[in-house]
N, C-alpha and C. Protein backbone atom coordinates (compact mmCIF):
# COMPACT_ATOMS: atom_id res chain seq x y z
N UNK A 1 204.03 74.16 224.29
CA UNK A 1 203.99 75.56 224.68
C UNK A 1 203.51 76.37 223.50
N UNK A 2 202.66 77.31 223.77
CA UNK A 2 202.21 78.25 222.75
C UNK A 2 201.86 79.57 223.43
N UNK A 3 202.31 80.63 222.82
CA UNK A 3 201.90 81.97 223.23
C UNK A 3 201.09 82.53 222.07
N UNK A 4 200.02 83.21 222.41
CA UNK A 4 199.11 83.70 221.38
C UNK A 4 199.04 85.22 221.46
N UNK A 5 199.17 85.84 220.30
CA UNK A 5 198.96 87.28 220.16
C UNK A 5 197.71 87.46 219.31
N UNK A 6 196.82 88.30 219.78
CA UNK A 6 195.57 88.54 219.08
C UNK A 6 195.48 90.03 218.76
N UNK A 7 195.37 90.31 217.47
CA UNK A 7 195.27 91.68 216.99
C UNK A 7 193.86 91.90 216.46
N UNK A 8 193.25 93.04 216.86
CA UNK A 8 191.90 93.32 216.41
C UNK A 8 191.54 94.78 216.67
N UNK A 9 190.40 95.17 216.14
CA UNK A 9 189.90 96.52 216.40
C UNK A 9 189.30 96.60 217.79
N UNK A 10 189.68 97.63 218.50
CA UNK A 10 189.21 97.85 219.86
C UNK A 10 187.69 98.06 219.91
N UNK A 11 187.16 98.84 218.99
CA UNK A 11 185.73 99.16 219.03
C UNK A 11 184.84 97.94 218.77
N UNK A 12 185.37 96.91 218.16
CA UNK A 12 184.60 95.71 217.84
C UNK A 12 184.81 94.61 218.89
N UNK A 13 186.03 94.44 219.37
CA UNK A 13 186.38 93.26 220.16
C UNK A 13 186.69 93.51 221.63
N UNK A 14 186.77 94.75 222.09
CA UNK A 14 187.25 95.00 223.46
C UNK A 14 186.41 94.31 224.53
N UNK A 15 185.13 94.20 224.36
CA UNK A 15 184.28 93.54 225.35
C UNK A 15 184.18 92.04 225.16
N UNK A 16 184.96 91.50 224.23
CA UNK A 16 184.85 90.08 223.89
C UNK A 16 186.16 89.33 224.06
N UNK A 17 187.06 89.85 224.88
CA UNK A 17 188.36 89.20 225.07
C UNK A 17 188.22 87.76 225.56
N UNK A 18 187.35 87.55 226.55
CA UNK A 18 187.20 86.20 227.11
C UNK A 18 186.67 85.23 226.07
N UNK A 19 185.74 85.68 225.26
CA UNK A 19 185.19 84.85 224.19
C UNK A 19 186.29 84.43 223.21
N UNK A 20 187.10 85.39 222.80
CA UNK A 20 188.19 85.09 221.87
C UNK A 20 189.16 84.13 222.52
N UNK A 21 189.58 84.43 223.74
CA UNK A 21 190.54 83.59 224.45
C UNK A 21 190.02 82.16 224.60
N UNK A 22 188.76 82.03 224.97
CA UNK A 22 188.19 80.70 225.16
C UNK A 22 188.16 79.90 223.85
N UNK A 23 187.80 80.55 222.77
CA UNK A 23 187.74 79.85 221.48
C UNK A 23 189.14 79.47 220.98
N UNK A 24 190.08 80.38 221.10
CA UNK A 24 191.45 80.09 220.65
C UNK A 24 192.05 78.98 221.51
N UNK A 25 191.90 79.11 222.81
CA UNK A 25 192.47 78.09 223.69
C UNK A 25 191.78 76.74 223.50
N UNK A 26 190.47 76.76 223.32
CA UNK A 26 189.76 75.51 223.06
C UNK A 26 190.28 74.80 221.82
N UNK A 27 190.59 75.57 220.80
CA UNK A 27 191.15 74.99 219.57
C UNK A 27 192.54 74.40 219.82
N UNK A 28 193.37 75.10 220.59
CA UNK A 28 194.71 74.60 220.88
C UNK A 28 194.65 73.33 221.74
N UNK A 29 193.74 73.28 222.67
CA UNK A 29 193.59 72.09 223.51
C UNK A 29 193.07 70.93 222.66
N UNK A 30 192.06 71.19 221.86
CA UNK A 30 191.45 70.15 221.05
C UNK A 30 192.35 69.63 219.94
N UNK A 31 192.95 70.55 219.19
CA UNK A 31 193.70 70.16 218.00
C UNK A 31 195.17 69.81 218.27
N UNK A 32 195.76 70.45 219.27
CA UNK A 32 197.18 70.21 219.54
C UNK A 32 197.45 69.52 220.87
N UNK A 33 196.42 69.33 221.66
CA UNK A 33 196.61 68.65 222.94
C UNK A 33 197.28 69.49 224.01
N UNK A 34 197.23 70.81 223.89
CA UNK A 34 197.80 71.64 224.96
C UNK A 34 197.00 71.43 226.24
N UNK A 35 197.67 71.44 227.38
CA UNK A 35 196.94 71.32 228.64
C UNK A 35 196.01 72.51 228.84
N UNK A 36 194.90 72.26 229.48
CA UNK A 36 193.91 73.31 229.68
C UNK A 36 194.46 74.48 230.50
N UNK A 37 195.42 74.21 231.37
CA UNK A 37 195.95 75.29 232.23
C UNK A 37 197.12 76.04 231.61
N UNK A 38 197.44 75.80 230.35
CA UNK A 38 198.54 76.49 229.67
C UNK A 38 197.99 77.53 228.70
N UNK A 39 197.48 78.62 229.26
CA UNK A 39 196.89 79.68 228.44
C UNK A 39 197.75 80.93 228.58
N UNK A 40 198.37 81.34 227.47
CA UNK A 40 199.19 82.55 227.42
C UNK A 40 198.72 83.39 226.25
N UNK A 41 197.83 84.35 226.51
CA UNK A 41 197.25 85.18 225.45
C UNK A 41 197.52 86.65 225.72
N UNK A 42 197.88 87.36 224.66
CA UNK A 42 198.09 88.80 224.73
C UNK A 42 197.21 89.46 223.68
N UNK A 43 196.53 90.51 224.08
CA UNK A 43 195.63 91.22 223.18
C UNK A 43 196.24 92.56 222.78
N UNK A 44 196.18 92.80 221.49
CA UNK A 44 196.61 94.07 220.92
C UNK A 44 195.39 94.66 220.22
N UNK A 45 194.61 95.40 220.97
CA UNK A 45 193.38 95.98 220.44
C UNK A 45 193.66 97.43 220.05
N UNK A 46 193.34 97.75 218.81
CA UNK A 46 193.73 99.02 218.24
C UNK A 46 192.54 99.86 217.80
N UNK A 47 192.77 101.14 217.73
CA UNK A 47 191.77 102.03 217.15
C UNK A 47 191.58 101.67 215.68
N UNK A 48 190.42 101.98 215.16
CA UNK A 48 190.10 101.63 213.77
C UNK A 48 191.14 102.16 212.79
N UNK A 49 191.67 103.35 213.03
CA UNK A 49 192.67 103.92 212.13
C UNK A 49 194.00 103.19 212.18
N UNK A 50 194.23 102.44 213.26
CA UNK A 50 195.50 101.73 213.43
C UNK A 50 195.41 100.25 213.06
N UNK A 51 194.24 99.79 212.69
CA UNK A 51 194.06 98.39 212.30
C UNK A 51 193.28 98.36 211.00
N UNK A 52 193.99 98.44 209.92
CA UNK A 52 193.37 98.45 208.60
C UNK A 52 193.33 97.01 208.11
N UNK A 53 192.13 96.49 207.95
CA UNK A 53 191.94 95.09 207.53
C UNK A 53 191.19 95.06 206.20
N UNK A 54 191.51 94.07 205.39
CA UNK A 54 190.96 94.05 204.03
C UNK A 54 189.50 93.65 203.90
N UNK A 55 188.92 93.06 204.94
CA UNK A 55 187.59 92.51 204.75
C UNK A 55 186.50 93.21 205.54
N UNK A 56 186.62 93.21 206.87
CA UNK A 56 185.54 93.78 207.68
C UNK A 56 186.07 94.26 209.02
N UNK A 57 185.28 95.02 209.75
CA UNK A 57 185.72 95.47 211.08
C UNK A 57 185.92 94.31 212.06
N UNK A 58 185.28 93.16 211.81
CA UNK A 58 185.38 92.00 212.70
C UNK A 58 186.64 91.18 212.47
N UNK A 59 187.48 91.60 211.56
CA UNK A 59 188.68 90.86 211.21
C UNK A 59 189.61 90.70 212.41
N UNK A 60 190.12 89.48 212.60
CA UNK A 60 191.09 89.18 213.66
C UNK A 60 192.36 88.64 213.04
N UNK A 61 193.47 88.92 213.69
CA UNK A 61 194.73 88.26 213.35
C UNK A 61 195.17 87.51 214.60
N UNK A 62 195.39 86.21 214.45
CA UNK A 62 195.84 85.37 215.56
C UNK A 62 197.22 84.84 215.20
N UNK A 63 198.21 85.22 216.01
CA UNK A 63 199.58 84.78 215.80
C UNK A 63 199.94 83.82 216.94
N UNK A 64 200.37 82.63 216.57
CA UNK A 64 200.68 81.60 217.56
C UNK A 64 202.18 81.33 217.51
N UNK A 65 202.85 81.62 218.63
CA UNK A 65 204.27 81.34 218.77
C UNK A 65 204.39 80.03 219.52
N UNK A 66 205.12 79.07 218.95
CA UNK A 66 205.15 77.74 219.56
C UNK A 66 206.46 77.02 219.28
N UNK A 67 206.67 75.93 220.04
CA UNK A 67 207.80 75.05 219.79
C UNK A 67 207.59 74.39 218.42
N UNK A 68 208.67 74.14 217.72
CA UNK A 68 208.54 73.40 216.47
C UNK A 68 208.27 71.93 216.78
N UNK A 69 207.71 71.23 215.82
CA UNK A 69 207.49 69.80 215.98
C UNK A 69 206.11 69.33 215.60
N UNK A 70 205.17 70.25 215.42
CA UNK A 70 203.84 69.80 215.06
C UNK A 70 203.77 69.51 213.56
N UNK A 71 203.00 68.52 213.23
CA UNK A 71 202.88 68.10 211.82
C UNK A 71 202.09 69.14 211.02
N UNK A 72 202.25 69.07 209.71
CA UNK A 72 201.47 69.94 208.84
C UNK A 72 199.98 69.67 209.01
N UNK A 73 199.61 68.41 209.21
CA UNK A 73 198.19 68.08 209.42
C UNK A 73 197.66 68.72 210.70
N UNK A 74 198.47 68.74 211.76
CA UNK A 74 198.05 69.38 213.02
C UNK A 74 197.86 70.88 212.82
N UNK A 75 198.74 71.48 212.04
CA UNK A 75 198.61 72.92 211.76
C UNK A 75 197.36 73.19 210.92
N UNK A 76 197.12 72.35 209.92
CA UNK A 76 195.92 72.52 209.09
C UNK A 76 194.65 72.38 209.93
N UNK A 77 194.65 71.41 210.84
CA UNK A 77 193.49 71.19 211.70
C UNK A 77 193.23 72.44 212.57
N UNK A 78 194.30 73.04 213.08
CA UNK A 78 194.14 74.25 213.89
C UNK A 78 193.60 75.40 213.04
N UNK A 79 194.14 75.56 211.84
CA UNK A 79 193.64 76.61 210.93
C UNK A 79 192.14 76.41 210.68
N UNK A 80 191.74 75.19 210.39
CA UNK A 80 190.33 74.92 210.09
C UNK A 80 189.44 75.20 211.31
N UNK A 81 189.90 74.78 212.47
CA UNK A 81 189.10 74.96 213.69
C UNK A 81 188.92 76.45 213.99
N UNK A 82 190.01 77.23 213.92
CA UNK A 82 189.90 78.66 214.20
C UNK A 82 189.06 79.37 213.14
N UNK A 83 189.18 78.94 211.90
CA UNK A 83 188.36 79.55 210.84
C UNK A 83 186.89 79.24 211.04
N UNK A 84 186.58 78.10 211.63
CA UNK A 84 185.18 77.76 211.94
C UNK A 84 184.67 78.58 213.13
N UNK A 85 185.56 78.96 214.04
CA UNK A 85 185.18 79.72 215.24
C UNK A 85 184.97 81.20 214.94
N UNK A 86 185.75 81.74 213.99
CA UNK A 86 185.70 83.17 213.67
C UNK A 86 185.51 83.34 212.16
N UNK A 87 184.54 84.14 211.79
CA UNK A 87 184.23 84.32 210.37
C UNK A 87 185.37 85.03 209.62
N UNK A 88 186.00 85.97 210.28
CA UNK A 88 187.04 86.78 209.63
C UNK A 88 188.33 86.65 210.45
N UNK A 89 189.17 85.68 210.11
CA UNK A 89 190.40 85.47 210.89
C UNK A 89 191.55 85.10 209.97
N UNK A 90 192.70 85.58 210.34
CA UNK A 90 193.96 85.20 209.70
C UNK A 90 194.84 84.61 210.79
N UNK A 91 195.39 83.45 210.53
CA UNK A 91 196.20 82.74 211.54
C UNK A 91 197.62 82.60 211.02
N UNK A 92 198.57 82.93 211.87
CA UNK A 92 199.98 82.73 211.55
C UNK A 92 200.59 81.90 212.67
N UNK A 93 201.26 80.82 212.28
CA UNK A 93 201.95 79.97 213.24
C UNK A 93 203.45 80.21 213.07
N UNK A 94 204.10 80.61 214.15
CA UNK A 94 205.53 80.88 214.15
C UNK A 94 206.19 79.86 215.07
N UNK A 95 207.00 78.97 214.48
CA UNK A 95 207.65 77.92 215.26
C UNK A 95 209.11 78.25 215.54
N UNK A 96 209.57 77.87 216.72
CA UNK A 96 210.98 78.03 217.06
C UNK A 96 211.47 76.77 217.76
N UNK A 97 212.77 76.49 217.66
CA UNK A 97 213.31 75.35 218.39
C UNK A 97 213.15 75.57 219.89
N UNK A 98 212.97 74.48 220.62
CA UNK A 98 212.78 74.59 222.07
C UNK A 98 213.95 75.30 222.75
N UNK A 99 215.15 75.11 222.25
CA UNK A 99 216.32 75.73 222.88
C UNK A 99 216.25 77.25 222.83
N UNK A 100 215.43 77.80 221.95
CA UNK A 100 215.30 79.26 221.84
C UNK A 100 214.35 79.85 222.88
N UNK A 101 213.69 79.01 223.67
CA UNK A 101 212.77 79.46 224.72
C UNK A 101 213.42 79.24 226.07
N UNK A 102 213.23 80.19 226.96
CA UNK A 102 213.65 80.02 228.34
C UNK A 102 212.43 80.08 229.24
N UNK A 103 212.25 79.04 230.03
CA UNK A 103 211.07 78.95 230.89
C UNK A 103 211.54 78.61 232.30
N UNK A 104 211.15 79.44 233.26
CA UNK A 104 211.54 79.25 234.65
C UNK A 104 213.05 79.09 234.80
N UNK A 105 213.81 79.85 234.02
CA UNK A 105 215.26 79.85 234.12
C UNK A 105 215.96 78.69 233.44
N UNK A 106 215.23 77.93 232.63
CA UNK A 106 215.80 76.75 231.99
C UNK A 106 215.47 76.79 230.50
N UNK A 107 216.43 76.43 229.64
CA UNK A 107 216.08 76.30 228.22
C UNK A 107 215.00 75.23 228.06
N UNK A 108 214.02 75.50 227.24
CA UNK A 108 212.86 74.60 227.12
C UNK A 108 213.24 73.21 226.64
N UNK A 109 214.35 73.06 225.93
CA UNK A 109 214.73 71.71 225.49
C UNK A 109 215.21 70.85 226.65
N UNK A 110 215.40 71.44 227.83
CA UNK A 110 215.80 70.69 229.02
C UNK A 110 214.62 70.44 229.97
N UNK A 111 213.46 70.92 229.62
CA UNK A 111 212.27 70.74 230.47
C UNK A 111 211.60 69.41 230.19
N UNK A 112 211.00 68.85 231.21
CA UNK A 112 210.14 67.68 231.04
C UNK A 112 208.71 68.20 230.93
N UNK A 113 208.18 68.18 229.73
CA UNK A 113 206.84 68.68 229.50
C UNK A 113 205.80 67.63 229.87
N UNK A 114 204.64 68.08 230.28
CA UNK A 114 203.56 67.18 230.64
C UNK A 114 202.65 66.88 229.43
N UNK A 115 203.02 67.35 228.26
CA UNK A 115 202.23 67.14 227.07
C UNK A 115 203.18 66.97 225.89
N UNK A 116 202.66 66.37 224.80
CA UNK A 116 203.45 66.14 223.60
C UNK A 116 203.41 67.36 222.69
N UNK A 117 204.52 67.66 222.08
CA UNK A 117 204.56 68.72 221.08
C UNK A 117 204.37 68.12 219.69
N UNK A 118 204.89 66.95 219.50
CA UNK A 118 204.82 66.29 218.19
C UNK A 118 203.45 65.65 218.00
N UNK A 119 202.57 66.33 217.28
CA UNK A 119 201.24 65.80 216.99
C UNK A 119 200.99 65.84 215.50
C-alpha cells in the first residue's frame, strides 16, 4: 500500500497531473511491485507565492506514505527512478506499521494483500 502526495506549483504543473501520476505510479509498480490498480495520488498544487522552492519553478515534492517493510535498497531504487523521471524532485518516504492503517474497516495487518511489501 502506498498513498502519494504531490506538491508543486499550479502554474507549472496543473495541466500535467496525469503525466506526474503515470510516472510516479510506474516507478512504484516497477521498483516496489505495487499492483497496477493500486493508485492513490493526491495533488497539492499551489500558487507560486505559496510554493517556494530552492531550485526552479519545475520543482516537485513527492511524499510517499506506505507500510513499513521495504529494504533500503528498494527505497534507493525508487529515489533513483523518480529522480530520472523528474529533473527537479524531492522524495520523502514515510513508513508506518500496518496496524496503523485501516482499510475497508479492517486494520491492514489483518488483510491478505495480493502483493509483497517486503522487497
